[in-house]
């Protein structure tokens, strides 16, 4: 019986250079979210929830436009990038 991990894309950065990239873990974290393992998903890839929030907002914003939507997008993008970079640095240090 196959599992979702059998269909995940390999990280070329990790394969070729032996170093994890900024996106390592996002596929596994997404699978964990859909399996209801929310805490494990966060520990796998801390930016998973901010990225989901950003994706939901971008989809919502396709249909509903409002004043200040650009500022919300910028805040969500900066928040997501900050979480990704900080968690990556902490992963490398530890």
PDB file of N, CA and C in Angstrom:
ATOM      1  N   UNK A   1       0.845  -1.178   0.000  1.00  0.00           N
ATOM      2  CA  UNK A   1       0.000   0.000   0.000  1.00  0.00           C
ATOM      3  C   UNK A   1       0.893   1.245   0.000  1.00  0.00           C
ATOM      4  N   UNK A   2       0.621   2.188  -0.874  1.00  0.00           N
ATOM      5  CA  UNK A   2       1.458   3.379  -0.978  1.00  0.00           C
ATOM      6  C   UNK A   2       0.967   4.469  -0.026  1.00  0.00           C
ATOM      7  N   UNK A   3       1.897   5.323   0.355  1.00  0.00           N
ATOM      8  CA  UNK A   3       1.573   6.441   1.236  1.00  0.00           C
ATOM      9  C   UNK A   3       1.823   7.743   0.467  1.00  0.00           C
ATOM     10  N   UNK A   4       1.314   8.870   0.976  1.00  0.00           N
ATOM     11  CA  UNK A   4       1.541  10.147   0.287  1.00  0.00           C
ATOM     12  C   UNK A   4       3.027  10.481   0.114  1.00  0.00           C
ATOM     13  N   UNK A   5       3.862  10.021   1.043  1.00  0.00           N
ATOM     14  CA  UNK A   5       5.297  10.305   0.946  1.00  0.00           C
ATOM     15  C   UNK A   5       5.935   9.680  -0.292  1.00  0.00           C
ATOM     16  N   UNK A   6       5.307   8.622  -0.828  1.00  0.00           N
ATOM     17  CA  UNK A   6       5.830   7.973  -2.030  1.00  0.00           C
ATOM     18  C   UNK A   6       5.757   8.880  -3.260  1.00  0.00           C
ATOM     19  N   UNK A   7       4.915   9.912  -3.192  1.00  0.00           N
ATOM     20  CA  UNK A   7       4.696  10.781  -4.344  1.00  0.00           C
ATOM     21  C   UNK A   7       5.296  12.176  -4.175  1.00  0.00           C
ATOM     22  N   UNK A   8       6.047  12.383  -3.101  1.00  0.00           N
ATOM     23  CA  UNK A   8       6.629  13.699  -2.865  1.00  0.00           C
ATOM     24  C   UNK A   8       7.853  13.930  -3.754  1.00  0.00           C
ATOM     25  N   UNK A   9       8.056  15.186  -4.105  1.00  0.00           N
ATOM     26  CA  UNK A   9       9.226  15.563  -4.899  1.00  0.00           C
ATOM     27  C   UNK A   9      10.454  15.604  -4.001  1.00  0.00           C
ATOM     28  N   UNK A  10      11.593  15.133  -4.487  1.00  0.00           N
ATOM     29  CA  UNK A  10      12.812  15.209  -3.672  1.00  0.00           C
ATOM     30  C   UNK A  10      13.378  16.628  -3.688  1.00  0.00           C
ATOM     31  N   UNK A  11      14.085  16.976  -2.639  1.00  0.00           N
ATOM     32  CA  UNK A  11      14.751  18.278  -2.585  1.00  0.00           C
ATOM     33  C   UNK A  11      16.087  18.145  -3.316  1.00  0.00           C
ATOM     34  N   UNK A  12      16.208  18.826  -4.438  1.00  0.00           N
ATOM     35  CA  UNK A  12      17.454  18.760  -5.215  1.00  0.00           C
ATOM     36  C   UNK A  12      18.617  19.391  -4.457  1.00  0.00           C
ATOM     37  N   UNK A  13      18.329  20.434  -3.706  1.00  0.00           N
ATOM     38  CA  UNK A  13      19.365  21.088  -2.914  1.00  0.00           C
ATOM     39  C   UNK A  13      19.968  20.103  -1.915  1.00  0.00           C
ATOM     40  N   UNK A  14      19.100  19.363  -1.240  1.00  0.00           N
ATOM     41  CA  UNK A  14      19.561  18.401  -0.248  1.00  0.00           C
ATOM     42  C   UNK A  14      20.270  17.224  -0.917  1.00  0.00           C
ATOM     43  N   UNK A  15      19.753  16.818  -2.072  1.00  0.00           N
ATOM     44  CA  UNK A  15      20.355  15.693  -2.793  1.00  0.00           C
ATOM     45  C   UNK A  15      21.733  16.036  -3.349  1.00  0.00           C
ATOM     46  N   UNK A  16      21.846  17.210  -3.952  1.00  0.00           N
ATOM     47  CA  UNK A  16      23.095  17.586  -4.613  1.00  0.00           C
ATOM     48  C   UNK A  16      24.128  18.182  -3.656  1.00  0.00           C
ATOM     49  N   UNK A  17      23.672  19.023  -2.725  1.00  0.00           N
ATOM     50  CA  UNK A  17      24.599  19.734  -1.853  1.00  0.00           C
ATOM     51  C   UNK A  17      24.638  19.192  -0.429  1.00  0.00           C
ATOM     52  N   UNK A  18      23.641  18.381  -0.069  1.00  0.00           N
ATOM     53  CA  UNK A  18      23.586  17.841   1.278  1.00  0.00           C
ATOM     54  C   UNK A  18      23.081  18.828   2.308  1.00  0.00           C
ATOM     55  N   UNK A  19      22.530  19.947   1.856  1.00  0.00           N
ATOM     56  CA  UNK A  19      22.023  20.992   2.753  1.00  0.00           C
ATOM     57  C   UNK A  19      20.540  21.188   2.466  1.00  0.00           C
ATOM     58  N   UNK A  20      19.736  21.248   3.526  1.00  0.00           N
ATOM     59  CA  UNK A  20      18.310  21.478   3.332  1.00  0.00           C
ATOM     60  C   UNK A  20      18.078  22.893   2.816  1.00  0.00           C
ATOM     61  N   UNK A  21      17.015  23.053   2.043  1.00  0.00           N
ATOM     62  CA  UNK A  21      16.675  24.375   1.511  1.00  0.00           C
ATOM     63  C   UNK A  21      15.599  25.018   2.391  1.00  0.00           C
ATOM     64  N   UNK A  22      15.202  26.234   2.049  1.00  0.00           N
ATOM     65  CA  UNK A  22      14.187  26.953   2.817  1.00  0.00           C
ATOM     66  C   UNK A  22      12.815  26.277   2.735  1.00  0.00           C
ATOM     67  N   UNK A  23      12.604  25.448   1.740  1.00  0.00           N
ATOM     68  CA  UNK A  23      11.316  24.795   1.576  1.00  0.00           C
ATOM     69  C   UNK A  23      11.264  23.366   2.070  1.00  0.00           C
ATOM     70  N   UNK A  24      12.387  22.849   2.549  1.00  0.00           N
ATOM     71  CA  UNK A  24      12.403  21.457   3.024  1.00  0.00           C
ATOM     72  C   UNK A  24      11.416  21.273   4.167  1.00  0.00           C
ATOM     73  N   UNK A  25      10.522  20.334   3.989  1.00  0.00           N
ATOM     74  CA  UNK A  25       9.545  20.018   5.011  1.00  0.00           C
ATOM     75  C   UNK A  25       8.134  20.462   4.695  1.00  0.00           C
ATOM     76  N   UNK A  26       7.981  21.334   3.698  1.00  0.00           N
ATOM     77  CA  UNK A  26       6.649  21.868   3.423  1.00  0.00           C
ATOM     78  C   UNK A  26       5.691  20.795   2.888  1.00  0.00           C
ATOM     79  N   UNK A  27       6.198  19.878   2.086  1.00  0.00           N
ATOM     80  CA  UNK A  27       5.337  18.818   1.568  1.00  0.00           C
ATOM     81  C   UNK A  27       4.872  17.903   2.698  1.00  0.00           C
ATOM     82  N   UNK A  28       5.799  17.505   3.545  1.00  0.00           N
ATOM     83  CA  UNK A  28       5.441  16.639   4.674  1.00  0.00           C
ATOM     84  C   UNK A  28       4.519  17.355   5.648  1.00  0.00           C
ATOM     85  N   UNK A  29       4.750  18.659   5.877  1.00  0.00           N
ATOM     86  CA  UNK A  29       3.891  19.430   6.777  1.00  0.00           C
ATOM     87  C   UNK A  29       2.474  19.539   6.215  1.00  0.00           C
ATOM     88  N   UNK A  30       2.363  19.714   4.904  1.00  0.00           N
ATOM     89  CA  UNK A  30       1.042  19.789   4.270  1.00  0.00           C
ATOM     90  C   UNK A  30       0.293  18.470   4.446  1.00  0.00           C
ATOM     91  N   UNK A  31       0.984  17.373   4.253  1.00  0.00           N
ATOM     92  CA  UNK A  31       0.361  16.056   4.457  1.00  0.00           C
ATOM     93  C   UNK A  31      -0.075  15.909   5.915  1.00  0.00           C
ATOM     94  N   UNK A  32       0.759  16.343   6.840  1.00  0.00           N
ATOM     95  CA  UNK A  32       0.415  16.254   8.258  1.00  0.00           C
ATOM     96  C   UNK A  32      -0.821  17.087   8.590  1.00  0.00           C
ATOM     97  N   UNK A  33      -0.948  18.264   7.991  1.00  0.00           N
ATOM     98  CA  UNK A  33      -2.135  19.097   8.219  1.00  0.00           C
ATOM     99  C   UNK A  33      -3.380  18.368   7.745  1.00  0.00           C
ATOM    100  N   UNK A  34      -3.330  17.790   6.552  1.00  0.00           N
ATOM    101  CA  UNK A  34      -4.500  17.087   6.024  1.00  0.00           C
ATOM    102  C   UNK A  34      -4.802  15.799   6.796  1.00  0.00           C
ATOM    103  N   UNK A  35      -3.823  15.281   7.517  1.00  0.00           N
ATOM    104  CA  UNK A  35      -4.045  14.112   8.368  1.00  0.00           C
ATOM    105  C   UNK A  35      -4.480  14.511   9.778  1.00  0.00           C
ATOM    106  N   UNK A  36      -4.566  15.820  10.030  1.00  0.00           N
ATOM    107  CA  UNK A  36      -4.995  16.305  11.336  1.00  0.00           C
ATOM    108  C   UNK A  36      -3.896  16.399  12.367  1.00  0.00           C
ATOM    109  N   UNK A  37      -2.670  16.250  11.958  1.00  0.00           N
ATOM    110  CA  UNK A  37      -1.510  16.327  12.857  1.00  0.00           C
ATOM    111  C   UNK A  37      -0.979  17.766  12.865  1.00  0.00           C
ATOM    112  N   UNK A  38      -1.735  18.689  13.467  1.00  0.00           N
ATOM    113  CA  UNK A  38      -1.439  20.109  13.370  1.00  0.00           C
ATOM    114  C   UNK A  38      -0.161  20.511  14.102  1.00  0.00           C
ATOM    115  N   UNK A  39       0.052  19.963  15.267  1.00  0.00           N
ATOM    116  CA  UNK A  39       1.261  20.290  16.021  1.00  0.00           C
ATOM    117  C   UNK A  39       2.499  19.748  15.312  1.00  0.00           C
ATOM    118  N   UNK A  40       2.409  18.520  14.822  1.00  0.00           N
ATOM    119  CA  UNK A  40       3.535  17.917  14.106  1.00  0.00           C
ATOM    120  C   UNK A  40       3.841  18.702  12.829  1.00  0.00           C
ATOM    121  N   UNK A  41       2.790  19.197  12.169  1.00  0.00           N
ATOM    122  CA  UNK A  41       2.982  19.996  10.948  1.00  0.00           C
ATOM    123  C   UNK A  41       3.737  21.279  11.266  1.00  0.00           C
ATOM    124  N   UNK A  42       3.382  21.905  12.380  1.00  0.00           N
ATOM    125  CA  UNK A  42       4.071  23.133  12.770  1.00  0.00           C
ATOM    126  C   UNK A  42       5.545  22.873  13.052  1.00  0.00           C
ATOM    127  N   UNK A  43       5.842  21.787  13.776  1.00  0.00           N
ATOM    128  CA  UNK A  43       7.234  21.484  14.080  1.00  0.00           C
ATOM    129  C   UNK A  43       8.011  21.043  12.838  1.00  0.00           C
ATOM    130  N   UNK A  44       7.317  20.474  11.862  1.00  0.00           N
ATOM    131  CA  UNK A  44       7.965  20.077  10.610  1.00  0.00           C
ATOM    132  C   UNK A  44       8.332  21.310   9.780  1.00  0.00           C
ATOM    133  N   UNK A  45       7.380  22.264   9.687  1.00  0.00           N
ATOM    134  CA  UNK A  45       7.595  23.463   8.872  1.00  0.00           C
ATOM    135  C   UNK A  45       6.783  24.601   9.483  1.00  0.00           C
ATOM    136  N   UNK A  46       7.398  25.413  10.337  1.00  0.00           N
ATOM    137  CA  UNK A  46       6.656  26.434  11.094  1.00  0.00           C
ATOM    138  C   UNK A  46       5.854  27.433  10.261  1.00  0.00           C
ATOM    139  N   UNK A  47       6.218  27.668   9.037  1.00  0.00           N
ATOM    140  CA  UNK A  47       5.508  28.650   8.218  1.00  0.00           C
ATOM    141  C   UNK A  47       4.269  28.074   7.533  1.00  0.00           C
ATOM    142  N   UNK A  48       3.938  26.829   7.804  1.00  0.00           N
ATOM    143  CA  UNK A  48       2.833  26.176   7.101  1.00  0.00           C
ATOM    144  C   UNK A  48       1.521  26.941   7.280  1.00  0.00           C
ATOM    145  N   UNK A  49       1.252  27.418   8.476  1.00  0.00           N
ATOM    146  CA  UNK A  49      -0.031  28.084   8.723  1.00  0.00           C
ATOM    147  C   UNK A  49      -0.072  29.502   8.154  1.00  0.00           C
ATOM    148  N   UNK A  50       1.032  30.209   8.205  1.00  0.00           N
ATOM    149  CA  UNK A  50       1.048  31.546   7.602  1.00  0.00           C
ATOM    150  C   UNK A  50       0.948  31.442   6.077  1.00  0.00           C
ATOM    151  N   UNK A  51       1.533  30.401   5.509  1.00  0.00           N
ATOM    152  CA  UNK A  51       1.413  30.207   4.063  1.00  0.00           C
ATOM    153  C   UNK A  51      -0.010  29.798   3.661  1.00  0.00           C
ATOM    154  N   UNK A  52      -0.659  28.969   4.485  1.00  0.00           N
ATOM    155  CA  UNK A  52      -2.066  28.626   4.222  1.00  0.00           C
ATOM    156  C   UNK A  52      -2.935  29.872   4.309  1.00  0.00           C
ATOM    157  N   UNK A  53      -2.684  30.697   5.318  1.00  0.00           N
ATOM    158  CA  UNK A  53      -3.437  31.933   5.481  1.00  0.00           C
ATOM    159  C   UNK A  53      -3.229  32.848   4.273  1.00  0.00           C
ATOM    160  N   UNK A  54      -2.008  32.968   3.809  1.00  0.00           N
ATOM    161  CA  UNK A  54      -1.707  33.771   2.626  1.00  0.00           C
ATOM    162  C   UNK A  54      -2.417  33.226   1.397  1.00  0.00           C
ATOM    163  N   UNK A  55      -2.371  31.916   1.202  1.00  0.00           N
ATOM    164  CA  UNK A  55      -3.041  31.302   0.043  1.00  0.00           C
ATOM    165  C   UNK A  55      -4.549  31.521   0.096  1.00  0.00           C
ATOM    166  N   UNK A  56      -5.147  31.341   1.268  1.00  0.00           N
ATOM    167  CA  UNK A  56      -6.586  31.568   1.406  1.00  0.00           C
ATOM    168  C   UNK A  56      -6.948  33.013   1.126  1.00  0.00           C
ATOM    169  N   UNK A  57      -6.139  33.933   1.637  1.00  0.00           N
ATOM    170  CA  UNK A  57      -6.416  35.349   1.387  1.00  0.00           C
ATOM    171  C   UNK A  57      -6.284  35.677  -0.097  1.00  0.00           C
ATOM    172  N   UNK A  58      -5.266  35.148  -0.764  1.00  0.00           N
ATOM    173  CA  UNK A  58      -5.083  35.427  -2.191  1.00  0.00           C
ATOM    174  C   UNK A  58      -6.251  34.885  -3.012  1.00  0.00           C
ATOM    175  N   UNK A  59      -6.734  33.708  -2.672  1.00  0.00           N
ATOM    176  CA  UNK A  59      -7.895  33.143  -3.376  1.00  0.00           C
ATOM    177  C   UNK A  59      -9.133  33.988  -3.100  1.00  0.00           C
ATOM    178  N   UNK A  60      -9.354  34.356  -1.835  1.00  0.00           N
ATOM    179  CA  UNK A  60     -10.489  35.207  -1.457  1.00  0.00           C
ATOM    180  C   UNK A  60     -10.424  36.541  -2.192  1.00  0.00           C
ATOM    181  N   UNK A  61      -9.213  37.106  -2.281  1.00  0.00           N
ATOM    182  CA  UNK A  61      -9.024  38.413  -2.899  1.00  0.00           C
ATOM    183  C   UNK A  61      -9.225  38.392  -4.414  1.00  0.00           C
ATOM    184  N   UNK A  62      -9.186  37.222  -5.027  1.00  0.00           N
ATOM    185  CA  UNK A  62      -9.515  37.127  -6.450  1.00  0.00           C
ATOM    186  C   UNK A  62     -10.964  37.499  -6.707  1.00  0.00           C
ATOM    187  N   UNK A  63     -11.826  37.185  -5.743  1.00  0.00           N
ATOM    188  CA  UNK A  63     -13.258  37.396  -5.910  1.00  0.00           C
ATOM    189  C   UNK A  63     -13.780  38.625  -5.193  1.00  0.00           C
ATOM    190  N   UNK A  64     -13.136  38.997  -4.088  1.00  0.00           N
ATOM    191  CA  UNK A  64     -13.581  40.136  -3.294  1.00  0.00           C
ATOM    192  C   UNK A  64     -12.429  41.124  -3.148  1.00  0.00           C
ATOM    193  N   UNK A  65     -12.610  42.305  -3.716  1.00  0.00           N
ATOM    194  CA  UNK A  65     -11.595  43.363  -3.601  1.00  0.00           C
ATOM    195  C   UNK A  65     -12.059  44.353  -2.545  1.00  0.00           C
ATOM    196  N   UNK A  66     -11.127  44.865  -1.753  1.00  0.00           N
ATOM    197  CA  UNK A  66     -11.468  45.867  -0.757  1.00  0.00           C
ATOM    198  C   UNK A  66     -10.286  46.789  -0.537  1.00  0.00           C
ATOM    199  N   UNK A  67     -10.559  47.917   0.066  1.00  0.00           N
ATOM    200  CA  UNK A  67      -9.525  48.908   0.317  1.00  0.00           C
ATOM    201  C   UNK A  67      -8.543  48.358   1.347  1.00  0.00           C
ATOM    202  N   UNK A  68      -7.279  48.424   1.050  1.00  0.00           N
ATOM    203  CA  UNK A  68      -6.252  47.958   1.968  1.00  0.00           C
ATOM    204  C   UNK A  68      -5.839  46.518   1.748  1.00  0.00           C
ATOM    205  N   UNK A  69      -6.358  45.880   0.705  1.00  0.00           N
ATOM    206  CA  UNK A  69      -6.003  44.474   0.474  1.00  0.00           C
ATOM    207  C   UNK A  69      -4.526  44.301   0.136  1.00  0.00           C
ATOM    208  N   UNK A  70      -3.928  45.289  -0.494  1.00  0.00           N
ATOM    209  CA  UNK A  70      -2.491  45.217  -0.815  1.00  0.00           C
ATOM    210  C   UNK A  70      -1.644  45.210   0.454  1.00  0.00           C
ATOM    211  N   UNK A  71      -2.061  45.995   1.446  1.00  0.00           N
ATOM    212  CA  UNK A  71      -1.325  46.034   2.716  1.00  0.00           C
ATOM    213  C   UNK A  71      -1.423  44.690   3.429  1.00  0.00           C
ATOM    214  N   UNK A  72      -2.590  44.072   3.381  1.00  0.00           N
ATOM    215  CA  UNK A  72      -2.765  42.759   4.005  1.00  0.00           C
ATOM    216  C   UNK A  72      -1.863  41.742   3.324  1.00  0.00           C
ATOM    217  N   UNK A  73      -1.809  41.791   1.993  1.00  0.00           N
ATOM    218  CA  UNK A  73      -0.932  40.874   1.243  1.00  0.00           C
ATOM    219  C   UNK A  73       0.523  41.062   1.654  1.00  0.00           C
ATOM    220  N   UNK A  74       0.958  42.308   1.735  1.00  0.00           N
ATOM    221  CA  UNK A  74       2.348  42.600   2.096  1.00  0.00           C
ATOM    222  C   UNK A  74       2.659  42.083   3.496  1.00  0.00           C
ATOM    223  N   UNK A  75       1.755  42.310   4.437  1.00  0.00           N
ATOM    224  CA  UNK A  75       1.963  41.845   5.810  1.00  0.00           C
ATOM    225  C   UNK A  75       2.054  40.319   5.846  1.00  0.00           C
ATOM    226  N   UNK A  76       1.159  39.633   5.139  1.00  0.00           N
ATOM    227  CA  UNK A  76       1.170  38.164   5.128  1.00  0.00           C
ATOM    228  C   UNK A  76       2.428  37.611   4.460  1.00  0.00           C
ATOM    229  N   UNK A  77       2.874  38.244   3.394  1.00  0.00           N
ATOM    230  CA  UNK A  77       4.092  37.795   2.712  1.00  0.00           C
ATOM    231  C   UNK A  77       5.315  38.018   3.591  1.00  0.00           C
ATOM    232  N   UNK A  78       5.427  39.196   4.194  1.00  0.00           N
ATOM    233  CA  UNK A  78       6.570  39.490   5.072  1.00  0.00           C
ATOM    234  C   UNK A  78       6.571  38.554   6.272  1.00  0.00           C
ATOM    235  N   UNK A  79       5.395  38.296   6.856  1.00  0.00           N
ATOM    236  CA  UNK A  79       5.290  37.392   7.985  1.00  0.00           C
ATOM    237  C   UNK A  79       5.737  35.978   7.597  1.00  0.00           C
ATOM    238  N   UNK A  80       5.267  35.504   6.451  1.00  0.00           N
ATOM    239  CA  UNK A  80       5.624  34.158   5.998  1.00  0.00           C
ATOM    240  C   UNK A  80       7.118  34.038   5.725  1.00  0.00           C
ATOM    241  N   UNK A  81       7.664  35.004   5.016  1.00  0.00           N
ATOM    242  CA  UNK A  81       9.093  34.981   4.705  1.00  0.00           C
ATOM    243  C   UNK A  81       9.927  35.054   5.983  1.00  0.00           C
ATOM    244  N   UNK A  82       9.506  35.878   6.917  1.00  0.00           N
ATOM    245  CA  UNK A  82      10.237  35.992   8.189  1.00  0.00           C
ATOM    246  C   UNK A  82      10.242  34.669   8.939  1.00  0.00           C
ATOM    247  N   UNK A  83       9.094  34.026   9.004  1.00  0.00           N
ATOM    248  CA  UNK A  83       9.011  32.737   9.698  1.00  0.00           C
ATOM    249  C   UNK A  83       9.885  31.701   9.002  1.00  0.00           C
ATOM    250  N   UNK A  84       9.848  31.685   7.671  1.00  0.00           N
ATOM    251  CA  UNK A  84      10.656  30.726   6.907  1.00  0.00           C
ATOM    252  C   UNK A  84      12.142  30.930   7.178  1.00  0.00           C
ATOM    253  N   UNK A  85      12.598  32.173   7.095  1.00  0.00           N
ATOM    254  CA  UNK A  85      14.027  32.465   7.270  1.00  0.00           C
ATOM    255  C   UNK A  85      14.472  32.198   8.707  1.00  0.00           C
ATOM    256  N   UNK A  86      13.688  32.639   9.681  1.00  0.00           N
ATOM    257  CA  UNK A  86      14.061  32.436  11.076  1.00  0.00           C
ATOM    258  C   UNK A  86      14.106  30.952  11.423  1.00  0.00           C
ATOM    259  N   UNK A  87      13.103  30.204  10.984  1.00  0.00           N
ATOM    260  CA  UNK A  87      13.103  28.758  11.289  1.00  0.00           C
ATOM    261  C   UNK A  87      14.234  28.045  10.576  1.00  0.00           C
ATOM    262  N   UNK A  88      14.593  28.509   9.381  1.00  0.00           N
ATOM    263  CA  UNK A  88      15.712  27.908   8.648  1.00  0.00           C
ATOM    264  C   UNK A  88      17.040  28.157   9.386  1.00  0.00           C
ATOM    265  N   UNK A  89      17.218  29.374   9.845  1.00  0.00           N
ATOM    266  CA  UNK A  89      18.438  29.715  10.588  1.00  0.00           C
ATOM    267  C   UNK A  89      18.516  28.898  11.872  1.00  0.00           C
ATOM    268  N   UNK A  90      17.396  28.773  12.569  1.00  0.00           N
ATOM    269  CA  UNK A  90      17.383  27.973  13.795  1.00  0.00           C
ATOM    270  C   UNK A  90      17.656  26.496  13.507  1.00  0.00           C
ATOM    271  N   UNK A  91      17.165  26.015  12.376  1.00  0.00           N
ATOM    272  CA  UNK A  91      17.413  24.608  11.991  1.00  0.00           C
ATOM    273  C   UNK A  91      18.883  24.379  11.704  1.00  0.00           C
ATOM    274  N   UNK A  92      19.524  25.335  11.047  1.00  0.00           N
ATOM    275  CA  UNK A  92      20.947  25.215  10.720  1.00  0.00           C
ATOM    276  C   UNK A  92      21.808  25.295  11.976  1.00  0.00           C
ATOM    277  N   UNK A  93      21.455  26.197  12.876  1.00  0.00           N
ATOM    278  CA  UNK A  93      22.225  26.394  14.108  1.00  0.00           C
ATOM    279  C   UNK A  93      22.161  25.145  14.986  1.00  0.00           C
ATOM    280  N   UNK A  94      20.978  24.557  15.077  1.00  0.00           N
ATOM    281  CA  UNK A  94      20.801  23.387  15.976  1.00  0.00           C
ATOM    282  C   UNK A  94      21.125  22.116  15.313  1.00  0.00           C
TER     283      UNK A  94
END
